[in-house]
Amino acid sequence: MDIISTPSDSNTGDCAGTQTLSDLPLGETAVVREIRLEGKLRGYVMRFGLVEETVVTAVRRVPLGNLRVYRIGQSEISLRPETARQILVTQTKQ
């Protein structure tokens, strides 16, 4: 798995190649670099295995509602865009 180098996102203020999980195109895979969530929401995503250095794939949009489904190992988790924007990832190529 190789890291794709992309221009820095001015919204994240981080190094080149980092983007938010909400910006990950459907069908693409990335590595989690930082989780900027706190409290119960942080615990929720961590229970599904969404922790730093984990590989995550954007699977699909939920037909009714504003959710996207992400695969982490054998699990899938649905997140709202405002939650996914708090998770920084580096996109990979397969």
Protein backbone atom coordinates (compact mmCIF):
# COMPACT_ATOMS: atom_id res chain seq x y z
CA MET A 1 0.00 0.00 0.00
CA ASP A 2 1.48 3.36 -1.06
CA ILE A 3 0.62 6.78 0.30
CA ILE A 4 -0.80 9.26 -2.20
CA SER A 5 0.69 12.70 -1.81
CA THR A 6 -1.94 15.42 -2.19
CA PRO A 7 -1.78 19.15 -1.57
CA SER A 8 -2.29 20.31 1.98
CA ASP A 9 -5.88 21.08 2.95
CA SER A 10 -5.98 24.58 4.37
CA ASN A 11 -8.93 23.58 6.59
CA THR A 12 -6.89 20.98 8.47
CA GLY A 13 -3.71 23.01 8.86
CA ASP A 14 -1.67 19.82 8.60
CA CYS A 15 1.03 18.42 6.35
CA ALA A 16 0.56 17.48 2.71
CA GLY A 17 -1.42 14.34 2.08
CA THR A 18 -3.75 14.75 5.04
CA GLN A 19 -7.47 15.21 4.47
CA THR A 20 -10.62 14.68 6.49
CA LEU A 21 -12.46 11.38 6.41
CA SER A 22 -15.51 13.18 5.01
CA ASP A 23 -13.40 14.15 1.95
CA LEU A 24 -12.39 10.53 1.20
CA PRO A 25 -14.04 9.50 -2.11
CA LEU A 26 -16.33 6.47 -2.07
CA GLY A 27 -14.43 3.26 -2.75
CA GLU A 28 -11.12 4.76 -1.64
CA THR A 29 -8.99 3.68 1.32
CA ALA A 30 -7.01 5.74 3.82
CA VAL A 31 -5.03 5.45 7.05
CA VAL A 32 -6.34 7.29 10.12
CA ARG A 33 -3.79 9.86 11.30
CA GLU A 34 -5.65 11.79 14.01
CA ILE A 35 -9.03 11.70 15.72
CA ARG A 36 -10.15 15.12 16.96
CA LEU A 37 -13.29 13.87 18.72
CA GLU A 38 -13.86 13.88 22.46
CA GLY A 39 -16.05 12.19 25.02
CA LYS A 40 -18.77 9.71 24.10
CA LEU A 41 -18.39 10.25 20.36
CA ARG A 42 -14.67 9.42 20.52
CA GLY A 43 -15.49 6.26 22.49
CA TYR A 44 -18.16 5.31 19.93
CA VAL A 45 -15.80 5.41 16.94
CA MET A 46 -13.02 3.69 18.88
CA ARG A 47 -15.32 0.76 19.78
CA PHE A 48 -15.61 0.11 16.04
CA GLY A 49 -11.82 0.04 15.73
CA LEU A 50 -11.46 3.53 14.30
CA VAL A 51 -8.15 4.47 15.93
CA GLU A 52 -4.95 6.07 14.68
CA GLU A 53 -3.02 4.04 12.06
CA THR A 54 -6.14 1.99 11.18
CA VAL A 55 -7.07 1.44 7.54
CA VAL A 56 -10.56 2.73 6.66
CA THR A 57 -12.56 2.55 3.39
CA ALA A 58 -15.42 4.82 2.34
CA VAL A 59 -18.08 2.27 1.33
CA ARG A 60 -21.34 4.05 0.47
CA ARG A 61 -23.84 6.77 1.28
CA VAL A 62 -26.96 5.90 3.23
CA PRO A 63 -29.96 6.48 0.89
CA LEU A 64 -32.09 8.33 3.46
CA GLY A 65 -30.16 10.79 5.52
CA ASN A 66 -26.81 12.49 5.47
CA LEU A 67 -24.64 9.54 6.54
CA ARG A 68 -21.72 7.73 4.95
CA VAL A 69 -20.68 4.17 5.73
CA TYR A 70 -17.01 3.35 6.36
CA ARG A 71 -15.41 -0.09 6.67
CA ILE A 72 -12.81 -0.75 9.36
CA GLY A 73 -11.62 -4.35 9.16
CA GLN A 74 -14.77 -6.51 9.31
CA SER A 75 -16.91 -3.73 10.83
CA GLU A 76 -18.87 -0.92 9.23
CA ILE A 77 -19.74 2.38 10.88
CA SER A 78 -22.07 5.17 9.72
CA LEU A 79 -20.92 8.72 10.41
CA ARG A 80 -22.40 12.15 9.86
CA PRO A 81 -20.23 14.53 7.80
CA GLU A 82 -19.58 16.79 10.79
CA THR A 83 -18.18 13.81 12.69
CA ALA A 84 -16.09 12.52 9.77
CA ARG A 85 -14.58 16.02 9.38
CA GLN A 86 -12.98 15.59 12.82
CA ILE A 87 -11.00 12.53 11.65
CA LEU A 88 -7.82 13.15 9.65
CA VAL A 89 -6.62 10.52 7.19
CA THR A 90 -3.97 9.96 4.53
CA GLN A 91 -5.36 8.41 1.36
CA THR A 92 -3.66 5.28 0.06
CA LYS A 93 -3.55 3.61 -3.31
CA GLN A 94 -3.97 -0.12 -3.67
